[in-house]
Amino acid sequence: MKKTIKMVLATTVLGMISAALLTGVYAWTSPIIEANLRQIFFEKIEEYLPEAKDTEIITEEEQYPEIHVVYGPDEELMGFMIENTAGGYEGEILYFTIVDDEGYIKGVEVIEHTETPGIGAQIEREEFRGQFASKHYTDSFTAGEEIDIISGATISSQAMIASVRNTMQELGQTAYLEEEEVPEIDLADLPDGTFVGSAPGLNDEVVAEVVIEGGSIVSVEILDHEDTPDYFEKAKNELVDEIKKEQSVKVDTVSGATASSRGIINAVINALLNGIEDA
């Protein structure tokens, strides 16, 4: 019995010492890691936006995506440096997206990850990252079509594709770039009926069904999606009610679920446009 107590006490003490050591190591290394990250941050700005002279963060720090506006010598807009993470197979993937002043990607740089060497780590390769170059913030970034998925590293590459798309859509919500124009739709032009439409969401197509009666939207149902359930449900619950209340697709996206919001709104727009074509 006494031996057991001694063993428990010894294990507890060792655990406390280990925890203290880890805390101390983290406190010591954290500033070094952060300094290295900042150095890489500015090196990549110099590489892709060599005329840059200053930066300004326009989102909350330590809340991804972290969007930095990059200015030139005369305080003119040069572009954007965006820090974000993607949920890979083994853990978080930290990366930078460098964007020009018109909203086109100049480069995607993977900075840190724990993906499997030789397999998931292929997201670092130029053959994969280079596919994002020249993509616009309004593009769909469809996995397997616009951007090829890496064979054998499906989860890692799909996570990157979805995250970069979300990053660019978040950028499009800022006041620095023109927001995607919402088409004018007169509900009176639509016949009574049920219409289906689709649009890219965070991970794949969002499919919406809209019921029109007497020139009014009486029902909006989401038939299919592949987005993160919690965020998507938040966006859906708010947007469906707002679209029906306002009888319009000109509604604001839901904070924290921008990509899913846009997918829902654009799927409803597509459904309504399909209804007009059928009229």
Protein backbone atom coordinates (compact mmCIF):
# COMPACT_ATOMS: atom_id res chain seq x y z
CA MET A 1 0.00 0.00 0.00
CA LYS A 2 2.80 2.41 1.00
CA LYS A 3 4.67 1.55 -2.23
CA THR A 4 1.55 2.34 -4.25
CA ILE A 5 1.14 5.72 -2.53
CA LYS A 6 4.80 6.52 -3.14
CA MET A 7 4.46 5.62 -6.82
CA VAL A 8 1.36 7.80 -7.20
CA LEU A 9 3.09 10.71 -5.46
CA ALA A 10 6.20 10.27 -7.59
CA THR A 11 4.15 10.17 -10.79
CA THR A 12 2.22 13.27 -9.73
CA VAL A 13 5.40 15.18 -8.91
CA LEU A 14 7.00 14.15 -12.23
CA GLY A 15 3.86 15.26 -14.06
CA MET A 16 3.96 18.65 -12.36
CA ILE A 17 7.65 19.07 -13.15
CA SER A 18 7.08 18.09 -16.80
CA ALA A 19 4.18 20.54 -17.12
CA ALA A 20 6.29 23.31 -15.60
CA LEU A 21 9.18 22.54 -17.95
CA LEU A 22 6.87 22.54 -21.01
CA THR A 23 5.36 25.84 -19.92
CA GLY A 24 8.82 27.29 -19.51
CA VAL A 25 10.01 25.99 -22.89
CA TYR A 26 6.90 27.40 -24.60
CA ALA A 27 7.37 30.79 -22.92
CA TRP A 28 10.98 30.81 -24.08
CA THR A 29 10.44 29.59 -27.66
CA SER A 30 7.14 31.36 -28.46
CA PRO A 31 8.70 34.81 -29.05
CA ILE A 32 11.38 33.21 -31.24
CA ILE A 33 8.79 31.37 -33.33
CA GLU A 34 6.73 34.55 -33.69
CA ALA A 35 9.82 36.55 -34.72
CA ASN A 36 10.70 33.94 -37.37
CA LEU A 37 7.14 34.02 -38.69
CA ARG A 38 7.23 37.83 -38.97
CA GLN A 39 10.53 37.62 -40.82
CA ILE A 40 9.06 35.18 -43.34
CA PHE A 41 5.96 37.42 -43.57
CA PHE A 42 8.00 40.43 -44.69
CA GLU A 43 10.27 38.36 -46.92
CA LYS A 44 7.24 37.11 -48.86
CA ILE A 45 5.83 40.63 -49.19
CA GLU A 46 9.18 41.76 -50.62
CA GLU A 47 9.21 38.79 -52.99
CA TYR A 48 5.70 39.23 -54.38
CA LEU A 49 5.07 42.96 -53.82
CA PRO A 50 8.56 44.49 -54.09
CA GLU A 51 7.29 48.09 -54.17
CA ALA A 52 5.64 47.69 -50.76
CA LYS A 53 6.52 50.21 -48.05
CA ASP A 54 3.95 49.68 -45.29
CA THR A 55 1.26 47.28 -44.04
CA GLU A 56 -1.90 47.65 -41.99
CA ILE A 57 -3.92 44.83 -40.42
CA ILE A 58 -7.67 45.23 -41.04
CA THR A 59 -8.95 42.18 -39.15
CA GLU A 60 -8.68 41.18 -35.53
CA GLU A 61 -5.22 39.89 -34.66
CA GLU A 62 -4.94 36.17 -33.88
CA GLN A 63 -8.29 35.59 -35.58
CA TYR A 64 -7.99 33.92 -38.97
CA PRO A 65 -7.95 34.91 -41.72
CA GLU A 66 -5.62 37.75 -40.70
CA ILE A 67 -5.76 40.28 -43.55
CA HIS A 68 -3.01 42.86 -43.97
CA VAL A 69 -3.32 45.68 -46.51
CA VAL A 70 -0.02 46.42 -48.26
CA TYR A 71 0.71 50.01 -49.32
CA GLY A 72 3.25 51.46 -51.76
CA PRO A 73 5.60 54.47 -51.47
CA ASP A 74 2.78 57.01 -51.88
CA GLU A 75 0.36 55.10 -49.66
CA GLU A 76 -1.34 53.61 -52.71
CA LEU A 77 -2.88 50.14 -52.45
CA MET A 78 -0.38 47.50 -53.55
CA GLY A 79 -2.24 44.39 -52.48
CA PHE A 80 -2.85 42.11 -49.50
CA MET A 81 -0.92 39.66 -47.36
CA ILE A 82 -3.25 37.16 -45.70
CA GLU A 83 -2.29 34.71 -42.98
CA ASN A 84 -4.61 31.76 -42.48
CA THR A 85 -4.76 28.11 -41.46
CA ALA A 86 -6.33 25.02 -43.00
CA GLY A 87 -7.32 21.88 -41.11
CA GLY A 88 -5.12 19.19 -42.65
CA TYR A 89 -4.95 15.43 -42.11
CA GLU A 90 -2.41 15.62 -39.27
CA GLY A 91 -3.10 19.13 -37.96
CA GLU A 92 -3.24 22.79 -38.89
CA ILE A 93 -1.54 24.06 -42.03
CA LEU A 94 -0.28 27.65 -41.71
CA TYR A 95 0.00 29.53 -45.00
CA PHE A 96 0.17 32.98 -46.59
CA THR A 97 -1.88 34.14 -49.57
CA ILE A 98 -0.44 37.11 -51.43
CA VAL A 99 -2.98 39.06 -53.48
CA ASP A 100 -2.62 42.06 -55.81
CA ASP A 101 -4.64 45.28 -55.67
CA GLU A 102 -7.30 43.92 -58.06
CA GLY A 103 -7.98 40.76 -56.05
CA TYR A 104 -5.88 38.28 -58.04
CA ILE A 105 -3.67 35.78 -56.22
CA LYS A 106 0.04 36.28 -56.80
CA GLY A 107 1.11 33.33 -54.71
CA VAL A 108 0.27 30.87 -51.93
CA GLU A 109 3.08 29.93 -49.54
CA VAL A 110 2.82 27.05 -47.06
CA ILE A 111 4.76 28.11 -43.96
CA GLU A 112 4.24 25.36 -41.42
CA HIS A 113 2.43 22.02 -41.23
CA THR A 114 2.55 18.54 -39.69
CA GLU A 115 1.29 16.61 -42.72
CA THR A 116 2.89 13.25 -43.55
CA PRO A 117 6.31 13.75 -45.21
CA GLY A 118 6.27 12.76 -48.87
CA ILE A 119 2.46 12.48 -49.01
CA GLY A 120 0.46 15.26 -47.37
CA ALA A 121 3.57 17.42 -47.51
CA GLN A 122 3.07 17.67 -51.27
CA ILE A 123 0.94 20.75 -50.57
CA GLU A 124 4.30 22.57 -50.35
CA ARG A 125 5.17 21.79 -53.97
CA GLU A 126 4.95 24.47 -56.63
CA GLU A 127 2.95 22.11 -58.86
CA PHE A 128 0.11 22.34 -56.36
CA ARG A 129 0.49 25.87 -54.98
CA GLY A 130 1.04 27.36 -58.43
CA GLN A 131 -2.50 26.44 -59.45
CA PHE A 132 -3.84 29.26 -57.27
CA ALA A 133 -1.85 31.95 -59.09
CA SER A 134 -4.01 34.43 -61.04
CA LYS A 135 -7.22 33.16 -59.43
CA HIS A 136 -9.60 36.00 -58.54
CA TYR A 137 -11.49 36.44 -55.28
CA THR A 138 -14.75 35.88 -57.20
CA ASP A 139 -13.60 32.54 -58.65
CA SER A 140 -15.03 29.26 -57.37
CA PHE A 141 -11.79 27.26 -56.76
CA THR A 142 -13.66 23.99 -57.31
CA ALA A 143 -11.58 21.06 -56.04
CA GLY A 144 -10.81 18.61 -58.81
CA GLU A 145 -11.77 21.08 -61.55
CA GLU A 146 -10.16 24.53 -61.24
CA ILE A 147 -7.61 23.16 -58.75
CA ASP A 148 -6.33 19.58 -58.99
CA ILE A 149 -6.46 17.42 -55.86
CA ILE A 150 -3.18 15.68 -54.98
CA SER A 151 -3.46 11.93 -55.40
CA GLY A 152 -2.64 10.26 -52.07
CA ALA A 153 -3.02 13.55 -50.21
CA THR A 154 -6.70 14.18 -50.78
CA ILE A 155 -7.52 15.54 -47.31
CA SER A 156 -4.52 17.87 -47.18
CA SER A 157 -5.05 19.29 -50.67
CA GLN A 158 -8.83 19.62 -50.33
CA ALA A 159 -8.35 21.42 -47.01
CA MET A 160 -5.99 23.89 -48.67
CA ILE A 161 -8.32 24.48 -51.63
CA ALA A 162 -11.32 25.11 -49.36
CA SER A 163 -9.35 27.37 -47.04
CA VAL A 164 -7.82 29.49 -49.82
CA ARG A 165 -11.30 29.89 -51.34
CA ASN A 166 -12.65 30.99 -47.97
CA THR A 167 -9.69 33.35 -47.53
CA MET A 168 -10.40 35.03 -50.86
CA GLN A 169 -14.11 35.28 -50.18
CA GLU A 170 -13.36 36.93 -46.83
CA LEU A 171 -11.10 39.38 -48.66
CA GLY A 172 -13.93 40.14 -51.07
CA GLN A 173 -16.06 41.21 -48.10
CA THR A 174 -13.67 44.04 -47.23
CA ALA A 175 -14.18 47.60 -48.43
CA TYR A 176 -10.92 47.43 -50.38
CA LEU A 177 -12.32 45.40 -53.26
CA GLU A 178 -15.59 45.62 -55.14
CA GLU A 179 -18.16 43.25 -53.71
CA GLU A 180 -19.71 40.75 -56.07
CA GLU A 181 -22.65 42.42 -57.79
CA VAL A 182 -26.01 40.92 -56.89
CA PRO A 183 -28.28 40.76 -59.94
CA GLU A 184 -31.59 42.62 -59.90
CA ILE A 185 -34.38 40.07 -59.64
CA ASP A 186 -38.03 41.09 -59.79
CA LEU A 187 -40.01 38.34 -58.08
CA ALA A 188 -43.05 39.36 -60.11
CA ASP A 189 -41.26 37.94 -63.16
CA LEU A 190 -41.28 34.47 -61.63
CA PRO A 191 -44.14 32.03 -62.17
CA ASP A 192 -45.51 30.02 -59.26
CA GLY A 193 -43.45 26.92 -58.76
CA THR A 194 -40.44 25.23 -57.18
CA PHE A 195 -37.01 26.08 -58.53
CA VAL A 196 -33.61 24.58 -57.77
CA GLY A 197 -30.22 26.26 -58.04
CA SER A 198 -26.63 25.68 -56.95
CA ALA A 199 -23.46 27.64 -56.23
CA PRO A 200 -20.01 26.98 -54.71
CA GLY A 201 -19.94 26.92 -50.90
CA LEU A 202 -16.93 26.44 -48.64
CA ASN A 203 -16.18 22.85 -49.67
CA ASP A 204 -18.52 22.01 -52.55
CA GLU A 205 -21.78 22.98 -54.23
CA VAL A 206 -24.66 24.28 -52.13
CA VAL A 207 -28.02 23.26 -53.60
CA ALA A 208 -31.09 25.35 -52.76
CA GLU A 209 -34.79 24.89 -53.49
CA VAL A 210 -36.99 27.99 -53.63
CA VAL A 211 -40.79 27.99 -53.74
CA ILE A 212 -42.53 30.99 -55.34
CA GLU A 213 -46.22 31.76 -54.92
CA GLY A 214 -47.92 34.93 -56.11
CA GLY A 215 -44.62 36.73 -56.72
CA SER A 216 -43.30 35.99 -53.22
CA ILE A 217 -40.67 33.68 -51.77
CA VAL A 218 -42.61 31.38 -49.47
CA SER A 219 -39.94 28.75 -48.84
CA VAL A 220 -36.18 28.27 -49.07
CA GLU A 221 -34.74 24.82 -48.41
CA ILE A 222 -31.13 23.69 -48.63
CA LEU A 223 -31.08 20.32 -50.34
CA ASP A 224 -27.37 19.58 -50.22
CA HIS A 225 -24.02 20.97 -49.05
CA GLU A 226 -20.59 19.78 -47.89
CA ASP A 227 -19.69 22.70 -45.61
CA THR A 228 -18.75 22.55 -41.93
CA PRO A 229 -22.11 21.71 -40.25
CA ASP A 230 -22.03 24.17 -37.31
CA TYR A 231 -21.02 27.19 -39.39
CA PHE A 232 -23.34 26.25 -42.24
CA GLU A 233 -26.34 25.84 -39.94
CA LYS A 234 -25.66 29.25 -38.40
CA ALA A 235 -25.55 30.85 -41.85
CA LYS A 236 -28.59 28.95 -43.11
CA ASN A 237 -30.81 29.74 -40.13
CA GLU A 238 -30.11 33.47 -40.35
CA LEU A 239 -30.14 33.83 -44.13
CA VAL A 240 -33.25 31.80 -44.92
CA ASP A 241 -35.29 33.90 -42.48
CA GLU A 242 -33.73 37.13 -43.78
CA ILE A 243 -34.36 36.30 -47.45
CA LYS A 244 -38.00 35.47 -46.74
CA LYS A 245 -38.44 38.55 -44.54
CA GLU A 246 -36.86 40.96 -47.02
CA GLN A 247 -38.17 39.11 -50.08
CA SER A 248 -34.77 39.75 -51.58
CA VAL A 249 -31.37 38.11 -52.09
CA LYS A 250 -29.62 41.36 -51.22
CA VAL A 251 -28.87 40.35 -47.65
CA ASP A 252 -25.67 40.48 -45.61
CA THR A 253 -23.48 37.44 -45.14
CA VAL A 254 -23.26 35.93 -41.65
CA SER A 255 -20.08 36.88 -39.77
CA GLY A 256 -17.79 33.88 -39.27
CA ALA A 257 -19.49 31.88 -42.04
CA THR A 258 -18.86 34.03 -45.09
CA ALA A 259 -18.14 31.26 -47.59
CA SER A 260 -21.22 29.26 -46.57
CA SER A 261 -23.32 32.44 -46.60
CA ARG A 262 -22.26 33.27 -50.13
CA GLY A 263 -22.94 29.70 -51.19
CA ILE A 264 -26.50 29.89 -49.84
CA ILE A 265 -27.22 33.35 -51.27
CA ASN A 266 -25.79 32.50 -54.70
CA ALA A 267 -27.62 29.16 -54.80
CA VAL A 268 -30.90 30.99 -54.13
CA ILE A 269 -30.03 33.55 -56.83
CA ASN A 270 -29.30 30.72 -59.26
CA ALA A 271 -32.65 29.08 -58.41
CA LEU A 272 -34.53 32.34 -59.04
CA LEU A 273 -32.72 32.94 -62.33
CA ASN A 274 -33.61 29.38 -63.39
CA GLY A 275 -37.23 30.19 -62.58
CA ILE A 276 -37.13 33.30 -64.76
CA GLU A 277 -35.66 31.27 -67.63
CA ASP A 278 -38.49 28.75 -67.25
CA ALA A 279 -41.16 31.47 -67.30
